[in-house]
Amino acid sequence: MTDEKSGTLDVRLRGLEKRKERKEYLQEVRNTKAKGRKSSLKSSLSHLKTSLSHLGNFLASWKKFFGEIVEVFLESLSFPGYNHTGRRYSDQR
């Protein structure tokens, strides 16, 4: 009779240990996934920041390029007595 009770206790204890181990394992998996998401988010934000920086540099160079073209074009349209913005020289006082 004692063996039966101790046997039952052993089974219950093993069951509790397995549940505890499973709970710890699942918590470890959750923590690992959370770390992965966090590092993935940091990586994505870093790539986005770099891409936006490159886009900004690209747009700035095109703005400079087209600005020069527009300036040359306006100068080519200038008439005697007018500057490149279309104003008369006498209006610039």
PDB file of N, CA and C in Angstrom:
ATOM      1  N   MET A   1       0.818  -1.179   0.000  1.00  0.00           N
ATOM      2  CA  MET A   1       0.000   0.000   0.000  1.00  0.00           C
ATOM      3  C   MET A   1       0.865   1.246   0.000  1.00  0.00           C
ATOM      4  N   THR A   2       1.945   1.216   0.752  1.00  0.00           N
ATOM      5  CA  THR A   2       2.847   2.358   0.780  1.00  0.00           C
ATOM      6  C   THR A   2       3.494   2.542  -0.588  1.00  0.00           C
ATOM      7  N   ASP A   3       3.824   1.436  -1.226  1.00  0.00           N
ATOM      8  CA  ASP A   3       4.449   1.511  -2.543  1.00  0.00           C
ATOM      9  C   ASP A   3       3.512   2.165  -3.550  1.00  0.00           C
ATOM     10  N   GLU A   4       2.241   1.800  -3.430  1.00  0.00           N
ATOM     11  CA  GLU A   4       1.274   2.388  -4.356  1.00  0.00           C
ATOM     12  C   GLU A   4       1.193   3.901  -4.173  1.00  0.00           C
ATOM     13  N   LYS A   5       1.164   4.330  -2.895  1.00  0.00           N
ATOM     14  CA  LYS A   5       1.071   5.768  -2.623  1.00  0.00           C
ATOM     15  C   LYS A   5       2.341   6.475  -3.095  1.00  0.00           C
ATOM     16  N   SER A   6       3.490   5.898  -2.770  1.00  0.00           N
ATOM     17  CA  SER A   6       4.741   6.543  -3.180  1.00  0.00           C
ATOM     18  C   SER A   6       4.863   6.521  -4.702  1.00  0.00           C
ATOM     19  N   GLY A   7       4.360   5.474  -5.325  1.00  0.00           N
ATOM     20  CA  GLY A   7       4.354   5.399  -6.780  1.00  0.00           C
ATOM     21  C   GLY A   7       3.479   6.494  -7.371  1.00  0.00           C
ATOM     22  N   THR A   8       2.321   6.713  -6.767  1.00  0.00           N
ATOM     23  CA  THR A   8       1.422   7.759  -7.222  1.00  0.00           C
ATOM     24  C   THR A   8       2.071   9.126  -7.026  1.00  0.00           C
ATOM     25  N   LEU A   9       2.736   9.301  -5.883  1.00  0.00           N
ATOM     26  CA  LEU A   9       3.424  10.568  -5.611  1.00  0.00           C
ATOM     27  C   LEU A   9       4.539  10.795  -6.624  1.00  0.00           C
ATOM     28  N   ASP A  10       5.277   9.732  -6.937  1.00  0.00           N
ATOM     29  CA  ASP A  10       6.353   9.858  -7.916  1.00  0.00           C
ATOM     30  C   ASP A  10       5.806  10.294  -9.273  1.00  0.00           C
ATOM     31  N   VAL A  11       4.696   9.693  -9.681  1.00  0.00           N
ATOM     32  CA  VAL A  11       4.085  10.043 -10.963  1.00  0.00           C
ATOM     33  C   VAL A  11       3.640  11.507 -10.946  1.00  0.00           C
ATOM     34  N   ARG A  12       3.017  11.915  -9.845  1.00  0.00           N
ATOM     35  CA  ARG A  12       2.564  13.309  -9.739  1.00  0.00           C
ATOM     36  C   ARG A  12       3.761  14.265  -9.753  1.00  0.00           C
ATOM     37  N   LEU A  13       4.804  13.915  -9.015  1.00  0.00           N
ATOM     38  CA  LEU A  13       5.988  14.779  -8.972  1.00  0.00           C
ATOM     39  C   LEU A  13       6.642  14.875 -10.350  1.00  0.00           C
ATOM     40  N   ARG A  14       6.729  13.737 -11.035  1.00  0.00           N
ATOM     41  CA  ARG A  14       7.300  13.771 -12.391  1.00  0.00           C
ATOM     42  C   ARG A  14       6.444  14.617 -13.317  1.00  0.00           C
ATOM     43  N   GLY A  15       5.120  14.512 -13.160  1.00  0.00           N
ATOM     44  CA  GLY A  15       4.216  15.332 -13.962  1.00  0.00           C
ATOM     45  C   GLY A  15       4.410  16.817 -13.684  1.00  0.00           C
ATOM     46  N   LEU A  16       4.555  17.161 -12.404  1.00  0.00           N
ATOM     47  CA  LEU A  16       4.788  18.558 -12.026  1.00  0.00           C
ATOM     48  C   LEU A  16       6.129  19.054 -12.581  1.00  0.00           C
ATOM     49  N   GLU A  17       7.138  18.213 -12.480  1.00  0.00           N
ATOM     50  CA  GLU A  17       8.461  18.591 -13.001  1.00  0.00           C
ATOM     51  C   GLU A  17       8.407  18.814 -14.509  1.00  0.00           C
ATOM     52  N   LYS A  18       7.703  17.917 -15.210  1.00  0.00           N
ATOM     53  CA  LYS A  18       7.588  18.067 -16.667  1.00  0.00           C
ATOM     54  C   LYS A  18       6.854  19.356 -17.019  1.00  0.00           C
ATOM     55  N   ARG A  19       5.767  19.654 -16.284  1.00  0.00           N
ATOM     56  CA  ARG A  19       5.031  20.901 -16.551  1.00  0.00           C
ATOM     57  C   ARG A  19       5.913  22.121 -16.286  1.00  0.00           C
ATOM     58  N   LYS A  20       6.673  22.046 -15.188  1.00  0.00           N
ATOM     59  CA  LYS A  20       7.568  23.154 -14.848  1.00  0.00           C
ATOM     60  C   LYS A  20       8.638  23.324 -15.928  1.00  0.00           C
ATOM     61  N   GLU A  21       9.207  22.222 -16.381  1.00  0.00           N
ATOM     62  CA  GLU A  21      10.218  22.268 -17.439  1.00  0.00           C
ATOM     63  C   GLU A  21       9.611  22.824 -18.733  1.00  0.00           C
ATOM     64  N   ARG A  22       8.411  22.367 -19.046  1.00  0.00           N
ATOM     65  CA  ARG A  22       7.745  22.852 -20.261  1.00  0.00           C
ATOM     66  C   ARG A  22       7.461  24.347 -20.159  1.00  0.00           C
ATOM     67  N   LYS A  23       6.999  24.778 -18.984  1.00  0.00           N
ATOM     68  CA  LYS A  23       6.712  26.190 -18.767  1.00  0.00           C
ATOM     69  C   LYS A  23       7.985  27.023 -18.929  1.00  0.00           C
ATOM     70  N   GLU A  24       9.092  26.537 -18.342  1.00  0.00           N
ATOM     71  CA  GLU A  24      10.377  27.243 -18.468  1.00  0.00           C
ATOM     72  C   GLU A  24      10.833  27.274 -19.927  1.00  0.00           C
ATOM     73  N   TYR A  25      10.666  26.158 -20.612  1.00  0.00           N
ATOM     74  CA  TYR A  25      11.060  26.080 -22.019  1.00  0.00           C
ATOM     75  C   TYR A  25      10.258  27.072 -22.859  1.00  0.00           C
ATOM     76  N   LEU A  26       8.934  27.093 -22.650  1.00  0.00           N
ATOM     77  CA  LEU A  26       8.085  28.015 -23.412  1.00  0.00           C
ATOM     78  C   LEU A  26       8.434  29.471 -23.120  1.00  0.00           C
ATOM     79  N   GLN A  27       8.758  29.772 -21.854  1.00  0.00           N
ATOM     80  CA  GLN A  27       9.164  31.130 -21.503  1.00  0.00           C
ATOM     81  C   GLN A  27      10.473  31.497 -22.209  1.00  0.00           C
ATOM     82  N   GLU A  28      11.374  30.553 -22.273  1.00  0.00           N
ATOM     83  CA  GLU A  28      12.650  30.780 -22.961  1.00  0.00           C
ATOM     84  C   GLU A  28      12.424  31.026 -24.459  1.00  0.00           C
ATOM     85  N   VAL A  29      11.522  30.251 -25.048  1.00  0.00           N
ATOM     86  CA  VAL A  29      11.195  30.433 -26.468  1.00  0.00           C
ATOM     87  C   VAL A  29      10.596  31.818 -26.693  1.00  0.00           C
ATOM     88  N   ARG A  30       9.674  32.231 -25.816  1.00  0.00           N
ATOM     89  CA  ARG A  30       9.059  33.562 -25.941  1.00  0.00           C
ATOM     90  C   ARG A  30      10.115  34.656 -25.850  1.00  0.00           C
ATOM     91  N   ASN A  31      11.031  34.518 -24.904  1.00  0.00           N
ATOM     92  CA  ASN A  31      12.087  35.526 -24.748  1.00  0.00           C
ATOM     93  C   ASN A  31      12.967  35.592 -25.988  1.00  0.00           C
ATOM     94  N   THR A  32      13.297  34.431 -26.540  1.00  0.00           N
ATOM     95  CA  THR A  32      14.131  34.386 -27.738  1.00  0.00           C
ATOM     96  C   THR A  32      13.433  35.046 -28.909  1.00  0.00           C
ATOM     97  N   LYS A  33      12.135  34.760 -29.075  1.00  0.00           N
ATOM     98  CA  LYS A  33      11.369  35.375 -30.166  1.00  0.00           C
ATOM     99  C   LYS A  33      11.304  36.888 -29.992  1.00  0.00           C
ATOM    100  N   ALA A  34      11.113  37.334 -28.759  1.00  0.00           N
ATOM    101  CA  ALA A  34      11.032  38.780 -28.497  1.00  0.00           C
ATOM    102  C   ALA A  34      12.361  39.452 -28.842  1.00  0.00           C
ATOM    103  N   LYS A  35      13.464  38.816 -28.483  1.00  0.00           N
ATOM    104  CA  LYS A  35      14.785  39.373 -28.821  1.00  0.00           C
ATOM    105  C   LYS A  35      14.970  39.430 -30.330  1.00  0.00           C
ATOM    106  N   GLY A  36      14.504  38.394 -31.017  1.00  0.00           N
ATOM    107  CA  GLY A  36      14.614  38.355 -32.476  1.00  0.00           C
ATOM    108  C   GLY A  36      13.812  39.470 -33.127  1.00  0.00           C
ATOM    109  N   ARG A  37      12.608  39.683 -32.631  1.00  0.00           N
ATOM    110  CA  ARG A  37      11.770  40.771 -33.178  1.00  0.00           C
ATOM    111  C   ARG A  37      12.410  42.121 -32.926  1.00  0.00           C
ATOM    112  N   LYS A  38      12.975  42.276 -31.738  1.00  0.00           N
ATOM    113  CA  LYS A  38      13.596  43.558 -31.381  1.00  0.00           C
ATOM    114  C   LYS A  38      14.792  43.840 -32.283  1.00  0.00           C
ATOM    115  N   SER A  39      15.652  42.848 -32.485  1.00  0.00           N
ATOM    116  CA  SER A  39      16.822  43.064 -33.334  1.00  0.00           C
ATOM    117  C   SER A  39      16.411  43.233 -34.795  1.00  0.00           C
ATOM    118  N   SER A  40      15.366  42.528 -35.206  1.00  0.00           N
ATOM    119  CA  SER A  40      14.869  42.669 -36.569  1.00  0.00           C
ATOM    120  C   SER A  40      14.320  44.080 -36.789  1.00  0.00           C
ATOM    121  N   LEU A  41      13.608  44.592 -35.805  1.00  0.00           N
ATOM    122  CA  LEU A  41      13.069  45.953 -35.895  1.00  0.00           C
ATOM    123  C   LEU A  41      14.207  46.971 -35.952  1.00  0.00           C
ATOM    124  N   LYS A  42      15.219  46.780 -35.102  1.00  0.00           N
ATOM    125  CA  LYS A  42      16.368  47.695 -35.131  1.00  0.00           C
ATOM    126  C   LYS A  42      17.047  47.668 -36.488  1.00  0.00           C
ATOM    127  N   SER A  43      17.200  46.483 -37.042  1.00  0.00           N
ATOM    128  CA  SER A  43      17.837  46.339 -38.351  1.00  0.00           C
ATOM    129  C   SER A  43      17.011  47.026 -39.431  1.00  0.00           C
ATOM    130  N   SER A  44      15.701  46.829 -39.391  1.00  0.00           N
ATOM    131  CA  SER A  44      14.817  47.450 -40.378  1.00  0.00           C
ATOM    132  C   SER A  44      14.869  48.972 -40.284  1.00  0.00           C
ATOM    133  N   LEU A  45      14.866  49.495 -39.067  1.00  0.00           N
ATOM    134  CA  LEU A  45      14.938  50.942 -38.888  1.00  0.00           C
ATOM    135  C   LEU A  45      16.275  51.490 -39.371  1.00  0.00           C
ATOM    136  N   SER A  46      17.329  50.735 -39.151  1.00  0.00           N
ATOM    137  CA  SER A  46      18.651  51.156 -39.616  1.00  0.00           C
ATOM    138  C   SER A  46      18.695  51.217 -41.140  1.00  0.00           C
ATOM    139  N   HIS A  47      18.134  50.194 -41.787  1.00  0.00           N
ATOM    140  CA  HIS A  47      18.084  50.178 -43.259  1.00  0.00           C
ATOM    141  C   HIS A  47      17.233  51.328 -43.792  1.00  0.00           C
ATOM    142  N   LEU A  48      16.119  51.596 -43.120  1.00  0.00           N
ATOM    143  CA  LEU A  48      15.244  52.690 -43.534  1.00  0.00           C
ATOM    144  C   LEU A  48      15.971  54.026 -43.411  1.00  0.00           C
ATOM    145  N   LYS A  49      16.673  54.209 -42.315  1.00  0.00           N
ATOM    146  CA  LYS A  49      17.419  55.454 -42.100  1.00  0.00           C
ATOM    147  C   LYS A  49      18.474  55.644 -43.193  1.00  0.00           C
ATOM    148  N   THR A  50      19.186  54.586 -43.516  1.00  0.00           N
ATOM    149  CA  THR A  50      20.202  54.654 -44.568  1.00  0.00           C
ATOM    150  C   THR A  50      19.566  54.959 -45.919  1.00  0.00           C
ATOM    151  N   SER A  51      18.463  54.300 -46.225  1.00  0.00           N
ATOM    152  CA  SER A  51      17.780  54.523 -47.500  1.00  0.00           C
ATOM    153  C   SER A  51      17.287  55.959 -47.620  1.00  0.00           C
ATOM    154  N   LEU A  52      16.716  56.479 -46.546  1.00  0.00           N
ATOM    155  CA  LEU A  52      16.233  57.862 -46.579  1.00  0.00           C
ATOM    156  C   LEU A  52      17.383  58.846 -46.735  1.00  0.00           C
ATOM    157  N   SER A  53      18.498  58.539 -46.121  1.00  0.00           N
ATOM    158  CA  SER A  53      19.675  59.400 -46.261  1.00  0.00           C
ATOM    159  C   SER A  53      20.150  59.417 -47.708  1.00  0.00           C
ATOM    160  N   HIS A  54      20.218  58.239 -48.318  1.00  0.00           N
ATOM    161  CA  HIS A  54      20.636  58.158 -49.723  1.00  0.00           C
ATOM    162  C   HIS A  54      19.646  58.880 -50.634  1.00  0.00           C
ATOM    163  N   LEU A  55      18.357  58.720 -50.350  1.00  0.00           N
ATOM    164  CA  LEU A  55      17.339  59.395 -51.148  1.00  0.00           C
ATOM    165  C   LEU A  55      17.467  60.912 -51.016  1.00  0.00           C
ATOM    166  N   GLY A  56      17.707  61.385 -49.806  1.00  0.00           N
ATOM    167  CA  GLY A  56      17.888  62.817 -49.583  1.00  0.00           C
ATOM    168  C   GLY A  56      19.077  63.361 -50.347  1.00  0.00           C
ATOM    169  N   ASN A  57      20.187  62.621 -50.318  1.00  0.00           N
ATOM    170  CA  ASN A  57      21.378  63.046 -51.055  1.00  0.00           C
ATOM    171  C   ASN A  57      21.109  63.063 -52.554  1.00  0.00           C
ATOM    172  N   PHE A  58      20.412  62.056 -53.042  1.00  0.00           N
ATOM    173  CA  PHE A  58      20.082  61.970 -54.462  1.00  0.00           C
ATOM    174  C   PHE A  58      19.207  63.155 -54.881  1.00  0.00           C
ATOM    175  N   LEU A  59      18.173  63.429 -54.101  1.00  0.00           N
ATOM    176  CA  LEU A  59      17.274  64.534 -54.431  1.00  0.00           C
ATOM    177  C   LEU A  59      17.991  65.879 -54.365  1.00  0.00           C
ATOM    178  N   ALA A  60      18.899  66.023 -53.406  1.00  0.00           N
ATOM    179  CA  ALA A  60      19.650  67.279 -53.299  1.00  0.00           C
ATOM    180  C   ALA A  60      20.522  67.495 -54.532  1.00  0.00           C
ATOM    181  N   SER A  61      21.146  66.431 -55.019  1.00  0.00           N
ATOM    182  CA  SER A  61      21.992  66.576 -56.205  1.00  0.00           C
ATOM    183  C   SER A  61      21.153  66.916 -57.434  1.00  0.00           C
ATOM    184  N   TRP A  62      19.972  66.295 -57.559  1.00  0.00           N
ATOM    185  CA  TRP A  62      19.106  66.605 -58.697  1.00  0.00           C
ATOM    186  C   TRP A  62      18.555  68.023 -58.603  1.00  0.00           C
ATOM    187  N   LYS A  63      18.255  68.461 -57.383  1.00  0.00           N
ATOM    188  CA  LYS A  63      17.759  69.823 -57.197  1.00  0.00           C
ATOM    189  C   LYS A  63      18.834  70.826 -57.639  1.00  0.00           C
ATOM    190  N   LYS A  64      20.066  70.554 -57.250  1.00  0.00           N
ATOM    191  CA  LYS A  64      21.166  71.429 -57.640  1.00  0.00           C
ATOM    192  C   LYS A  64      21.329  71.425 -59.167  1.00  0.00           C
ATOM    193  N   PHE A  65      21.292  70.233 -59.767  1.00  0.00           N
ATOM    194  CA  PHE A  65      21.460  70.097 -61.210  1.00  0.00           C
ATOM    195  C   PHE A  65      20.367  70.841 -61.969  1.00  0.00           C
ATOM    196  N   PHE A  66      19.105  70.588 -61.588  1.00  0.00           N
ATOM    197  CA  PHE A  66      17.999  71.243 -62.283  1.00  0.00           C
ATOM    198  C   PHE A  66      17.949  72.734 -61.993  1.00  0.00           C
ATOM    199  N   GLY A  67      18.376  73.130 -60.804  1.00  0.00           N
ATOM    200  CA  GLY A  67      18.430  74.549 -60.480  1.00  0.00           C
ATOM    201  C   GLY A  67      19.374  75.285 -61.415  1.00  0.00           C
ATOM    202  N   GLU A  68      20.514  74.660 -61.705  1.00  0.00           N
ATOM    203  CA  GLU A  68      21.477  75.268 -62.629  1.00  0.00           C
ATOM    204  C   GLU A  68      20.903  75.327 -64.043  1.00  0.00           C
ATOM    205  N   ILE A  69      20.226  74.289 -64.449  1.00  0.00           N
ATOM    206  CA  ILE A  69      19.622  74.276 -65.790  1.00  0.00           C
ATOM    207  C   ILE A  69      18.575  75.383 -65.914  1.00  0.00           C
ATOM    208  N   VAL A  70      17.726  75.504 -64.915  1.00  0.00           N
ATOM    209  CA  VAL A  70      16.681  76.526 -64.938  1.00  0.00           C
ATOM    210  C   VAL A  70      17.310  77.914 -64.965  1.00  0.00           C
ATOM    211  N   GLU A  71      18.354  78.106 -64.182  1.00  0.00           N
ATOM    212  CA  GLU A  71      19.022  79.402 -64.153  1.00  0.00           C
ATOM    213  C   GLU A  71      19.596  79.749 -65.520  1.00  0.00           C
ATOM    214  N   VAL A  72      20.263  78.800 -66.167  1.00  0.00           N
ATOM    215  CA  VAL A  72      20.820  79.031 -67.504  1.00  0.00           C
ATOM    216  C   VAL A  72      19.692  79.306 -68.500  1.00  0.00           C
ATOM    217  N   PHE A  73      18.604  78.568 -68.390  1.00  0.00           N
ATOM    218  CA  PHE A  73      17.468  78.762 -69.286  1.00  0.00           C
ATOM    219  C   PHE A  73      16.888  80.175 -69.130  1.00  0.00           C
ATOM    220  N   LEU A  74      16.709  80.602 -67.886  1.00  0.00           N
ATOM    221  CA  LEU A  74      16.159  81.936 -67.659  1.00  0.00           C
ATOM    222  C   LEU A  74      17.108  83.023 -68.158  1.00  0.00           C
ATOM    223  N   GLU A  75      18.398  82.787 -67.999  1.00  0.00           N
ATOM    224  CA  GLU A  75      19.366  83.752 -68.513  1.00  0.00           C
ATOM    225  C   GLU A  75      19.292  83.824 -70.032  1.00  0.00           C
ATOM    226  N   SER A  76      19.032  82.695 -70.674  1.00  0.00           N
ATOM    227  CA  SER A  76      18.946  82.701 -72.136  1.00  0.00           C
ATOM    228  C   SER A  76      17.685  83.415 -72.602  1.00  0.00           C
ATOM    229  N   LEU A  77      16.682  83.529 -71.759  1.00  0.00           N
ATOM    230  CA  LEU A  77      15.448  84.221 -72.111  1.00  0.00           C
ATOM    231  C   LEU A  77      15.505  85.718 -71.803  1.00  0.00           C
ATOM    232  N   SER A  78      16.596  86.145 -71.197  1.00  0.00           N
ATOM    233  CA  SER A  78      16.640  87.540 -70.763  1.00  0.00           C
ATOM    234  C   SER A  78      16.640  88.483 -71.962  1.00  0.00           C
ATOM    235  N   PHE A  79      15.977  89.580 -71.773  1.00  0.00           N
ATOM    236  CA  PHE A  79      15.882  90.603 -72.800  1.00  0.00           C
ATOM    237  C   PHE A  79      16.683  91.818 -72.338  1.00  0.00           C
ATOM    238  N   PRO A  80      17.062  92.674 -73.243  1.00  0.00           N
ATOM    239  CA  PRO A  80      17.784  93.875 -72.823  1.00  0.00           C
ATOM    240  C   PRO A  80      16.942  94.674 -71.821  1.00  0.00           C
ATOM    241  N   GLY A  81      17.567  95.062 -70.724  1.00  0.00           N
ATOM    242  CA  GLY A  81      16.870  95.822 -69.696  1.00  0.00           C
ATOM    243  C   GLY A  81      16.193  94.953 -68.641  1.00  0.00           C
ATOM    244  N   TYR A  82      16.267  93.620 -68.779  1.00  0.00           N
ATOM    245  CA  TYR A  82      15.660  92.704 -67.804  1.00  0.00           C
ATOM    246  C   TYR A  82      16.737  91.761 -67.263  1.00  0.00           C
ATOM    247  N   ASN A  83      16.585  91.364 -66.010  1.00  0.00           N
ATOM    248  CA  ASN A  83      17.507  90.351 -65.479  1.00  0.00           C
ATOM    249  C   ASN A  83      16.912  88.959 -65.694  1.00  0.00           C
ATOM    250  N   HIS A  84      17.563  87.914 -65.159  1.00  0.00           N
ATOM    251  CA  HIS A  84      17.124  86.544 -65.438  1.00  0.00           C
ATOM    252  C   HIS A  84      15.816  86.174 -64.745  1.00  0.00           C
ATOM    253  N   THR A  85      15.356  86.986 -63.777  1.00  0.00           N
ATOM    254  CA  THR A  85      14.068  86.680 -63.139  1.00  0.00           C
ATOM    255  C   THR A  85      12.924  87.362 -63.861  1.00  0.00           C
ATOM    256  N   GLY A  86      13.226  88.168 -64.881  1.00  0.00           N
ATOM    257  CA  GLY A  86      12.174  88.837 -65.622  1.00  0.00           C
ATOM    258  C   GLY A  86      11.878  90.242 -65.125  1.00  0.00           C
ATOM    259  N   ARG A  87      12.605  90.705 -64.125  1.00  0.00           N
ATOM    260  CA  ARG A  87      12.396  92.058 -63.609  1.00  0.00           C
ATOM    261  C   ARG A  87      13.244  93.046 -64.396  1.00  0.00           C
ATOM    262  N   ARG A  88      12.743  94.244 -64.487  1.00  0.00           N
ATOM    263  CA  ARG A  88      13.529  95.298 -65.123  1.00  0.00           C
ATOM    264  C   ARG A  88      14.641  95.706 -64.167  1.00  0.00           C
ATOM    265  N   TYR A  89      15.744  96.083 -64.734  1.00  0.00           N
ATOM    266  CA  TYR A  89      16.844  96.541 -63.904  1.00  0.00           C
ATOM    267  C   TYR A  89      16.452  97.782 -63.107  1.00  0.00           C
ATOM    268  N   SER A  90      15.588  98.584 -63.649  1.00  0.00           N
ATOM    269  CA  SER A  90      15.175  99.806 -62.960  1.00  0.00           C
ATOM    270  C   SER A  90      14.259  99.505 -61.764  1.00  0.00           C
ATOM    271  N   ASP A  91      13.619  98.297 -61.716  1.00  0.00           N
ATOM    272  CA  ASP A  91      12.724  97.927 -60.618  1.00  0.00           C
ATOM    273  C   ASP A  91      13.468  97.380 -59.407  1.00  0.00           C
ATOM    274  N   GLN A  92      14.755  97.213 -59.494  1.00  0.00           N
ATOM    275  CA  GLN A  92      15.491  96.525 -58.430  1.00  0.00           C
ATOM    276  C   GLN A  92      15.993  97.458 -57.333  1.00  0.00           C
ATOM    277  N   ARG A  93      15.596  98.673 -57.351  1.00  0.00           N
ATOM    278  CA  ARG A  93      16.087  99.619 -56.343  1.00  0.00           C
ATOM    279  C   ARG A  93      15.719  99.244 -54.980  1.00  0.00           C
TER     280      ARG A  93
END
